Protein backbone atom coordinates (compact mmCIF):
# COMPACT_ATOMS: atom_id res chain seq x y z
CA MET A 1 -108.48 11.45 52.30
CA LYS A 2 -108.67 9.98 48.80
CA ARG A 3 -110.34 11.98 46.05
CA THR A 4 -111.74 10.21 43.01
CA MET A 5 -111.67 12.28 39.85
CA VAL A 6 -114.75 11.69 37.71
CA LEU A 7 -114.30 12.27 33.95
CA LYS A 8 -117.39 13.57 32.23
CA THR A 9 -118.02 12.31 28.66
CA VAL A 10 -118.67 14.87 25.99
CA ALA A 11 -120.75 14.04 22.95
CA VAL A 12 -119.04 14.53 19.57
CA LEU A 13 -120.87 17.12 17.59
CA GLY A 14 -121.90 16.28 14.01
CA ALA A 15 -120.51 18.05 10.93
CA ALA A 16 -123.56 20.33 10.61
CA SER A 17 -123.07 21.55 14.16
CA LEU A 18 -119.40 22.27 13.44
CA ALA A 19 -120.34 24.31 10.40
CA LEU A 20 -122.89 26.31 12.43
CA ALA A 21 -120.26 26.98 15.09
CA ALA A 22 -117.87 28.25 12.46
CA CYS A 23 -120.45 30.91 11.44
CA SER A 24 -120.86 32.27 14.98
CA SER A 25 -119.72 35.81 15.78
CA ASP A 26 -116.42 36.82 17.38
CA SER A 27 -118.30 38.13 20.45
CA GLU A 28 -119.87 34.74 21.02
CA ASP A 29 -116.41 33.16 20.78
CA THR A 30 -115.07 35.63 23.32
CA THR A 31 -118.03 34.99 25.71
CA ALA A 32 -117.57 31.23 25.46
CA SER A 33 -113.86 31.61 26.12
CA ALA A 34 -114.46 33.80 29.19
CA THR A 35 -117.03 31.38 30.57
CA ALA A 36 -114.60 28.48 30.15
CA GLU A 37 -111.92 30.45 31.96
CA GLU A 38 -114.26 31.26 34.84
CA THR A 39 -115.32 27.64 35.12
CA SER A 40 -111.69 26.51 35.16
CA ALA A 41 -110.81 29.09 37.83
CA GLU A 42 -113.70 27.95 40.04
CA ALA A 43 -112.65 24.30 39.68
CA THR A 44 -109.07 25.21 40.56
CA ALA A 45 -110.27 27.15 43.66
CA GLU A 46 -112.36 24.21 44.83
CA GLU A 47 -109.43 21.81 44.38
CA THR A 48 -107.14 24.16 46.30
CA ALA A 49 -109.65 24.34 49.13
CA GLU A 50 -109.96 20.56 49.24
CA GLU A 51 -106.19 20.16 49.29
CA ALA A 52 -105.91 22.70 52.13
CA ALA A 53 -108.54 20.77 54.10
CA ASP A 54 -106.55 17.57 53.56
CA GLU A 55 -103.33 19.11 54.83
CA CYS A 56 -102.16 17.86 58.25
CA THR A 57 -101.29 20.56 60.75
CA SER A 58 -100.23 18.15 63.49
CA THR A 59 -98.06 15.14 62.84
CA SER A 60 -97.51 14.22 66.50
CA LEU A 61 -100.23 13.51 69.07
CA VAL A 62 -100.52 15.91 72.02
CA LEU A 63 -102.91 14.42 74.56
CA GLY A 64 -104.31 16.15 77.60
CA SER A 65 -106.19 14.75 80.58
CA MET A 66 -108.80 16.55 82.67
CA LEU A 67 -109.57 14.09 85.44
CA PRO A 68 -110.45 14.48 89.17
CA ALA A 69 -107.24 14.91 91.16
CA THR A 70 -109.39 17.01 93.51
CA GLY A 71 -113.08 17.61 94.13
CA ASP A 72 -116.06 15.43 94.94
CA LEU A 73 -115.05 12.63 92.55
CA ALA A 74 -111.39 12.57 93.58
CA PHE A 75 -111.65 8.88 94.52
CA LEU A 76 -112.10 8.12 90.81
CA GLY A 77 -108.97 10.09 89.82
CA PRO A 78 -106.26 7.50 90.64
CA PRO A 79 -107.63 4.63 88.49
CA GLU A 80 -108.44 6.98 85.62
CA PHE A 81 -104.98 8.57 85.58
CA ALA A 82 -103.41 5.10 85.87
CA GLY A 83 -105.49 3.84 82.93
CA VAL A 84 -104.34 6.70 80.70
CA GLU A 85 -100.71 6.36 81.72
CA LEU A 86 -100.62 2.58 81.32
CA ALA A 87 -101.99 2.87 77.79
CA LEU A 88 -99.46 5.57 76.91
CA GLU A 89 -96.62 3.39 78.17
CA GLU A 90 -97.71 0.61 75.86
CA ILE A 91 -98.32 2.95 72.92
CA ASP A 92 -94.86 4.47 73.14
CA ALA A 93 -93.27 1.01 73.60
CA ALA A 94 -94.87 0.03 70.29
CA GLY A 95 -93.42 3.00 68.45
CA GLY A 96 -95.78 5.77 69.46
CA VAL A 97 -98.26 7.52 67.16
CA LEU A 98 -97.12 8.27 63.58
CA GLY A 99 -93.61 7.38 64.61
CA SER A 100 -93.38 9.74 67.57
CA PRO A 101 -93.97 9.38 71.34
CA VAL A 102 -97.23 10.90 72.59
CA THR A 103 -96.83 14.24 74.38
CA TYR A 104 -98.98 13.95 77.52
CA ILE A 105 -100.19 16.91 79.55
CA GLU A 106 -101.83 15.83 82.79
CA GLY A 107 -104.58 18.01 84.20
CA ASP A 108 -107.07 18.24 87.09
CA SER A 109 -110.82 18.68 86.55
CA GLY A 110 -111.78 19.69 90.09
CA ASP A 111 -115.57 19.77 90.36
CA THR A 112 -118.39 22.17 89.52
CA THR A 113 -117.71 24.30 92.63
CA THR A 114 -114.40 25.46 91.16
CA ASP A 115 -112.99 26.84 87.94
CA ILE A 116 -110.18 24.25 87.77
CA ALA A 117 -111.53 22.45 84.68
CA SER A 118 -111.72 25.71 82.70
CA GLN A 119 -108.17 26.64 83.73
CA THR A 120 -106.94 23.18 82.73
CA VAL A 121 -108.59 23.41 79.33
CA ASP A 122 -107.20 26.91 78.68
CA SER A 123 -103.70 25.76 79.51
CA GLN A 124 -103.92 22.61 77.41
CA LEU A 125 -105.38 24.43 74.40
CA ALA A 126 -102.54 26.90 74.59
CA GLN A 127 -100.11 23.94 74.49
CA GLY A 128 -101.70 22.57 71.32
CA VAL A 129 -103.55 19.52 72.53
CA ASN A 130 -105.37 17.48 69.87
CA ALA A 131 -107.61 15.55 72.32
CA ILE A 132 -108.51 15.78 76.00
CA ILE A 133 -109.56 12.77 78.06
CA GLY A 134 -112.14 13.77 80.66
CA ALA A 135 -113.92 14.94 82.62
CA ALA A 136 -115.23 12.25 84.91
CA SER A 137 -118.16 14.40 86.07
CA SER A 138 -120.86 15.07 83.50
CA GLY A 139 -121.53 18.45 85.11
CA VAL A 140 -117.88 19.43 84.76
CA SER A 141 -117.83 18.30 81.13
CA LEU A 142 -120.79 20.51 80.36
CA THR A 143 -118.91 23.56 81.66
CA VAL A 144 -116.05 23.13 79.20
CA ILE A 145 -117.35 21.12 76.23
CA ASP A 146 -118.07 24.23 74.13
CA LYS A 147 -114.57 25.58 74.70
CA ILE A 148 -112.93 22.29 73.75
CA THR A 149 -114.97 21.33 70.69
CA SER A 150 -115.14 24.85 69.23
CA ASN A 151 -111.36 24.73 68.98
CA GLY A 152 -111.36 21.57 66.87
CA VAL A 153 -110.17 19.38 69.75
CA VAL A 154 -111.63 16.00 70.68
CA GLN A 155 -113.15 15.64 74.13
CA PHE A 156 -113.33 11.98 75.15
CA SER A 157 -114.77 11.09 78.56
CA PRO A 158 -114.22 7.66 80.13
CA ALA A 159 -116.85 8.30 82.83
CA ASN A 160 -119.57 10.77 81.71
CA THR A 161 -123.01 9.15 81.88
CA ALA A 162 -125.54 12.03 81.86
CA PRO A 163 -128.15 11.42 79.15
CA ALA A 164 -128.06 15.20 78.32
CA LEU A 165 -124.69 14.73 76.65
CA THR A 166 -126.03 12.35 73.98
CA THR A 167 -127.45 15.00 71.72
CA TYR A 168 -125.44 17.96 72.94
CA PRO A 169 -124.22 20.06 69.94
CA ASP A 170 -120.50 19.19 69.93
CA ASN A 171 -119.35 19.58 66.32
CA GLY A 172 -118.95 15.81 66.17
CA LEU A 173 -115.95 16.04 68.58
CA TYR A 174 -117.33 14.63 71.86
CA PHE A 175 -117.12 10.92 72.60
CA ARG A 176 -117.53 8.76 75.65
CA ASN A 177 -117.07 5.01 76.37
CA SER A 178 -119.28 4.67 79.41
CA PRO A 179 -122.96 4.08 78.70
CA SER A 180 -125.55 6.75 79.19
CA ASP A 181 -127.45 6.49 82.50
CA VAL A 182 -130.57 5.57 80.58
CA LEU A 183 -129.06 2.07 80.90
CA GLN A 184 -127.85 2.29 84.50
CA GLY A 185 -131.20 3.59 85.64
CA ALA A 186 -132.94 0.63 84.03
CA VAL A 187 -130.57 -1.76 85.79
CA ILE A 188 -131.06 -0.14 89.22
CA ALA A 189 -134.84 -0.34 88.82
CA GLN A 190 -134.84 -3.97 87.64
CA SER A 191 -132.45 -4.98 90.46
CA ALA A 192 -134.89 -3.54 92.98
CA VAL A 193 -137.87 -5.21 91.32
CA ASP A 194 -136.04 -8.54 91.19
CA ALA A 195 -135.32 -8.22 94.94
CA GLY A 196 -139.04 -7.81 95.67
CA VAL A 197 -138.99 -4.11 96.29
CA THR A 198 -142.35 -2.49 95.58
CA LYS A 199 -141.77 0.94 97.16
CA LEU A 200 -138.59 2.84 96.30
CA ALA A 201 -137.36 6.28 97.36
CA VAL A 202 -134.90 8.03 95.02
CA ILE A 203 -132.72 10.89 96.17
CA ALA A 204 -130.15 12.49 93.85
CA ARG A 205 -127.78 15.43 93.66
CA GLN A 206 -129.13 18.30 91.62
CA ASP A 207 -126.85 18.33 88.59
CA PRO A 208 -126.96 16.80 85.08
CA TYR A 209 -125.64 13.45 86.39
CA GLY A 210 -128.03 13.15 89.32
CA GLU A 211 -131.07 14.42 87.45
CA GLY A 212 -130.48 12.14 84.45
CA LEU A 213 -129.90 8.96 86.46
CA ALA A 214 -132.77 9.68 88.86
CA ALA A 215 -135.16 10.22 85.96
CA ALA A 216 -134.17 6.94 84.35
CA THR A 217 -134.51 5.04 87.61
CA VAL A 218 -137.92 6.48 88.42
CA LYS A 219 -139.20 5.88 84.92
CA ASN A 220 -138.12 2.26 84.78
CA PHE A 221 -139.28 1.41 88.32
CA THR A 222 -142.75 2.83 87.81
CA GLU A 223 -143.09 1.17 84.41
CA ALA A 224 -142.28 -2.13 86.10
CA GLY A 225 -145.22 -1.61 88.47
CA GLY A 226 -143.36 -0.17 91.48
CA THR A 227 -144.25 2.89 93.47
CA VAL A 228 -141.73 5.72 93.91
CA THR A 229 -142.43 7.06 97.38
CA SER A 230 -140.05 10.03 97.11
CA ASP A 231 -138.23 11.63 94.17
CA ILE A 232 -135.91 14.22 95.71
CA LEU A 233 -133.15 16.39 94.28
CA TYR A 234 -130.74 17.92 96.78
CA ASP A 235 -128.02 20.52 96.82
CA PRO A 236 -124.75 18.61 97.28
CA ALA A 237 -123.28 21.60 99.15
CA ALA A 238 -126.15 21.73 101.70
CA PRO A 239 -124.95 21.82 105.29
CA SER A 240 -127.53 19.21 106.35
CA PHE A 241 -129.80 16.63 104.73
CA GLU A 242 -132.12 16.33 107.73
CA ALA A 243 -135.26 17.62 105.90
CA GLU A 244 -134.72 15.39 102.81
CA VAL A 245 -134.21 12.27 104.93
CA ALA A 246 -137.28 13.07 107.04
CA GLU A 247 -139.32 13.25 103.84
CA ILE A 248 -137.98 9.87 102.75
CA LYS A 249 -138.76 8.27 106.13
CA ALA A 250 -142.30 9.68 106.24
CA ALA A 251 -143.15 7.99 102.90
CA GLY A 252 -142.18 4.54 104.19
CA PRO A 253 -140.01 3.07 101.38
CA GLU A 254 -138.69 -0.48 101.32
CA ALA A 255 -135.49 0.68 99.65
CA VAL A 256 -133.62 3.91 98.91
CA ALA A 257 -131.51 4.72 95.87
CA VAL A 258 -128.88 7.37 96.62
CA ILE A 259 -127.40 9.02 93.55
CA GLY A 260 -124.50 11.26 94.51
CA PHE A 261 -120.77 11.78 94.92
CA GLU A 262 -118.72 12.17 98.15
CA GLU A 263 -121.55 14.02 99.95
CA THR A 264 -123.27 10.58 100.06
CA VAL A 265 -121.33 9.83 103.27
CA LYS A 266 -123.05 12.69 105.11
CA LEU A 267 -126.41 11.75 103.58
CA VAL A 268 -126.19 8.09 104.63
CA GLN A 269 -125.11 9.14 108.11
CA GLU A 270 -128.34 11.17 108.40
CA MET A 271 -130.32 8.21 107.07
CA ILE A 272 -128.83 5.96 109.76
CA LYS A 273 -129.67 8.57 112.39
CA GLN A 274 -133.31 8.70 111.31
CA GLY A 275 -133.73 4.96 110.99
CA VAL A 276 -133.73 4.60 107.20
CA GLY A 277 -130.11 3.71 106.74
CA PRO A 278 -128.68 0.49 105.23
CA GLY A 279 -129.46 -1.48 108.41
CA ASP A 280 -133.13 -0.54 108.17
CA VAL A 281 -134.00 -0.53 104.47
CA GLN A 282 -132.20 -1.77 101.38
CA LEU A 283 -129.70 0.78 100.10
CA TYR A 284 -128.75 1.22 96.44
CA LEU A 285 -125.65 3.14 95.43
CA VAL A 286 -124.36 4.09 91.99
CA ASP A 287 -121.05 4.70 90.17
CA GLY A 288 -120.62 8.16 91.71
CA ASN A 289 -120.56 6.81 95.29
CA LEU A 290 -119.58 3.12 94.98
CA SER A 291 -116.29 3.24 96.88
CA THR A 292 -114.02 1.06 98.96
CA THR A 293 -112.86 4.05 101.05
CA ALA A 294 -115.76 6.42 101.52
CA PHE A 295 -117.52 4.42 104.26
CA ALA A 296 -114.43 3.01 105.99
CA ASP A 297 -115.09 4.97 109.23
CA PHE A 298 -118.65 3.75 109.65
CA PRO A 299 -119.32 1.19 112.43
CA ALA A 300 -118.32 -2.29 111.30
CA GLY A 301 -120.92 -4.01 109.17
CA THR A 302 -122.92 -0.88 108.43
CA MET A 303 -122.71 -1.25 104.63
CA ASP A 304 -123.18 -5.04 104.54
CA GLY A 305 -125.71 -5.99 101.84
CA THR A 306 -125.73 -2.59 100.16
CA ILE A 307 -126.06 -2.89 96.37
CA GLY A 308 -124.18 -0.63 93.98
CA THR A 309 -124.09 -0.35 90.18
CA VAL A 310 -121.26 0.91 87.96
CA PRO A 311 -120.48 0.78 84.25
CA SER A 312 -117.88 -1.92 83.60
CA GLY A 313 -117.14 -4.12 80.60
CA SER A 314 -118.61 -7.04 78.71
CA VAL A 315 -115.51 -9.10 79.65
CA ASP A 316 -114.02 -10.01 83.04
CA LEU A 317 -111.90 -7.03 84.17
CA THR A 318 -110.02 -8.93 86.93
CA THR A 319 -106.89 -9.47 84.87
CA PHE A 320 -106.78 -5.89 83.67
CA ASN A 321 -107.33 -4.53 87.19
CA GLU A 322 -104.39 -6.64 88.32
CA ARG A 323 -102.29 -5.04 85.56
CA LEU A 324 -103.45 -1.62 86.72
CA LEU A 325 -102.59 -2.41 90.35
CA ALA A 326 -99.12 -3.56 89.30
CA PHE A 327 -98.72 -0.26 87.47
CA ASP A 328 -99.94 1.74 90.45
CA PRO A 329 -99.79 -0.29 93.70
CA ALA A 330 -101.49 2.53 95.64
CA LEU A 331 -104.85 1.96 93.93
CA THR A 332 -107.82 1.05 96.12
CA ASP A 333 -110.63 1.69 93.58
CA PHE A 334 -110.65 0.64 89.91
CA SER A 335 -113.81 2.22 88.52
CA TYR A 336 -113.30 3.80 85.09
CA GLY A 337 -109.60 2.78 84.96
CA PRO A 338 -110.34 0.31 82.13
CA GLN A 339 -112.44 2.91 80.22
CA SER A 340 -109.60 5.46 80.54
CA TYR A 341 -107.14 2.95 79.09
CA ASP A 342 -109.47 2.18 76.13
CA ALA A 343 -110.16 5.89 75.54
CA THR A 344 -106.41 6.56 75.21
CA MET A 345 -105.93 3.57 72.91
CA VAL A 346 -108.69 4.48 70.41
CA ILE A 347 -107.59 8.09 70.26
CA ALA A 348 -104.06 6.98 69.38
CA LEU A 349 -105.29 4.45 66.86
CA ALA A 350 -107.61 7.03 65.23
CA ALA A 351 -104.69 9.47 64.83
CA HIS A 352 -102.54 6.71 63.32
CA ALA A 353 -105.36 5.65 60.95
CA ALA A 354 -105.89 9.27 59.87
CA GLY A 355 -102.20 9.76 59.26
CA CYS A 356 -102.61 12.96 61.25
CA ALA A 357 -103.12 13.99 64.84
CA ASP A 358 -105.56 16.90 64.11
CA GLY A 359 -108.60 16.73 66.35
CA VAL A 360 -111.12 16.80 63.55
CA LYS A 361 -109.32 14.00 61.70
CA ILE A 362 -109.10 11.92 64.88
CA ALA A 363 -112.83 12.34 65.42
CA ALA A 364 -113.59 11.21 61.88
CA GLU A 365 -111.56 8.00 62.38
CA LEU A 366 -112.75 7.10 65.89
CA PRO A 367 -115.86 5.19 64.75
CA ASN A 368 -113.75 3.35 62.12
CA VAL A 369 -111.03 1.99 64.39
CA ALA A 370 -113.59 1.05 67.02
CA GLY A 371 -115.76 -1.01 64.73
CA ASN A 372 -117.39 -0.87 61.28
CA GLY A 373 -116.51 -4.47 60.41
CA GLY A 374 -112.71 -4.31 60.52
CA GLU A 375 -110.39 -7.08 61.63
CA VAL A 376 -110.42 -7.55 65.44
CA CYS A 377 -107.26 -6.59 67.32
CA SER A 378 -106.68 -5.95 71.02
CA THR A 379 -103.19 -4.50 71.40
CA TYR A 380 -101.84 -1.21 70.07
CA ALA A 381 -98.94 -2.95 68.33
CA ASP A 382 -101.19 -5.49 66.57
CA CYS A 383 -103.73 -2.82 65.55
CA VAL A 384 -101.04 -0.52 64.13
CA ALA A 385 -99.54 -3.38 62.15
CA LEU A 386 -102.91 -4.02 60.52
CA LEU A 387 -103.42 -0.31 59.79
CA ASP A 388 -99.99 -0.07 58.23
CA ALA A 389 -100.81 -3.03 56.03
CA GLY A 390 -103.96 -1.20 54.79
CA THR A 391 -106.37 -3.34 56.86
CA ASP A 392 -109.42 -1.87 58.57
CA ILE A 393 -109.51 -2.65 62.27
CA ASP A 394 -112.01 -3.27 65.07
CA TYR A 395 -110.30 -2.50 68.37
CA MET A 396 -111.45 -4.87 71.06
CA GLY A 397 -110.73 -3.08 74.31
CA VAL A 398 -110.09 -4.31 77.81
CA THR A 399 -113.77 -3.49 78.48
CA GLY A 400 -114.90 -5.29 75.31
CA GLY A 401 -116.17 -3.62 72.18
CA VAL A 402 -116.12 0.17 72.03
CA ASP A 403 -118.34 0.79 69.04
CA PHE A 404 -119.98 4.20 68.90
CA ASN A 405 -123.43 5.24 67.80
CA GLU A 406 -124.12 8.30 65.66
CA TYR A 407 -123.84 10.59 68.71
CA GLY A 408 -120.38 9.41 69.81
CA ASP A 409 -121.95 7.45 72.63
CA LEU A 410 -121.13 3.82 73.40
CA LEU A 411 -123.41 1.68 71.28
CA GLU A 412 -123.56 -1.23 73.77
CA GLY A 413 -122.81 -0.97 77.46
CA THR A 414 -122.38 -3.17 80.52
CA ILE A 415 -123.52 -2.35 84.04
CA SER A 416 -121.96 -4.30 86.91
CA ILE A 417 -124.12 -5.06 89.98
CA ASN A 418 -122.14 -5.27 93.22
CA GLU A 419 -122.80 -6.09 96.87
CA TYR A 420 -120.89 -4.85 99.90
CA SER A 421 -119.57 -7.51 102.29
CA SER A 422 -118.01 -4.91 104.60
CA ASN A 423 -117.61 -1.15 104.69
CA THR A 424 -114.57 -1.36 102.44
CA GLU A 425 -115.26 -4.40 100.24
CA PHE A 426 -117.78 -5.15 97.51
CA ALA A 427 -117.87 -7.74 94.77
CA GLU A 428 -119.80 -8.25 91.54
CA ILE A 429 -122.93 -10.40 91.89
CA GLY A 430 -124.20 -9.89 88.37
CA SER A 431 -124.04 -7.73 85.27
CA VAL A 432 -126.23 -6.55 82.39
CA THR A 433 -124.95 -5.98 78.84
CA ALA A 434 -127.33 -4.31 76.39
CA VAL A 435 -127.63 -1.81 73.59
CA VAL A 436 -127.78 1.59 75.26
CA PRO A 437 -131.23 3.15 74.77
CA LEU A 438 -131.36 6.70 73.53
CA PRO A 439 -132.79 9.34 75.90
């Protein structure tokens, strides 16, 4: 940080004033001298404190991940891990961060039924991480965000979408580059309206993610003139969804929006059993259950025509997803892989721009490297070259721009609208890019 020293001008006293000063008592001179010494001591203490604050305690970046290797979002783990690791490979190939390779500590987030995320965070904090990428689940993030940010460490999620995280007190250290579900809810509602749906049932898992997305969907659908026939929150660990589905059926919807994770498979099976499945009414899925593998064992054609939304990017992700597949040929899903790549890139660039890998200093630079009118760059090597030349940058990610608002949320987001052509295949049929509304 640069400090500008401001010199204060002092008026020159006239001769009469000097004569008066010469007549003052010795005690007054002593008092004036003591006051001057105290003022000087205070100024020195302030400067020392500022210098201490400017000191860098970490000159090499230690990055942790807390992503779903297990749990009810495990299908999102492989593309997210691959996105982080591909970015790190390119960062280190370009010279690393501040001249050193990034130290990477991989970690599992599990889900909210376990204590895995907390154990991961404890382990990574003990190893001196400066930033942690994750979690994917908003509910999981809310269980560890206090622990991470109170330790001066950046938490950066590539997949959290719960509106509750926007204004969560995080010491300015929490960021995400997927849009709040205030936007996805609006897109789900408008997609249904555009398809001629006038009566919609909404059923969501009872957690911060499900509650936030359901509320946004209901609000936007009713404001567009539609009728919400059911607005149900369910326990994702429930042994059966028979009663919830019966309530949906009794209300006679034309479409059903299911907001959940892996338990969606059991829920949709019950919907099919009671005659309100995807073959009977239009089914809408979301990012938490839009999967190429989850419904593979259903009878052929079951999911045909099902619509699903997911945060994506303002640019075509086909080329990047091909890069990701070449990096990890085992991938079957790609959701949030691009966001994980961009999250890793902006953290590394922020550390380089700060000249220090301290979490607080990284957080201060994140909005600057991601926007604020700098010169556009899209690779780590090009961006670092500009920073080293003293040029402000605007990192243009594989998902497009990653500018943040004052809450560390994505300023502008894109929601992809997809349609299933089989139980294991879906393709984009449209997208919406817009400024993300605040909750």
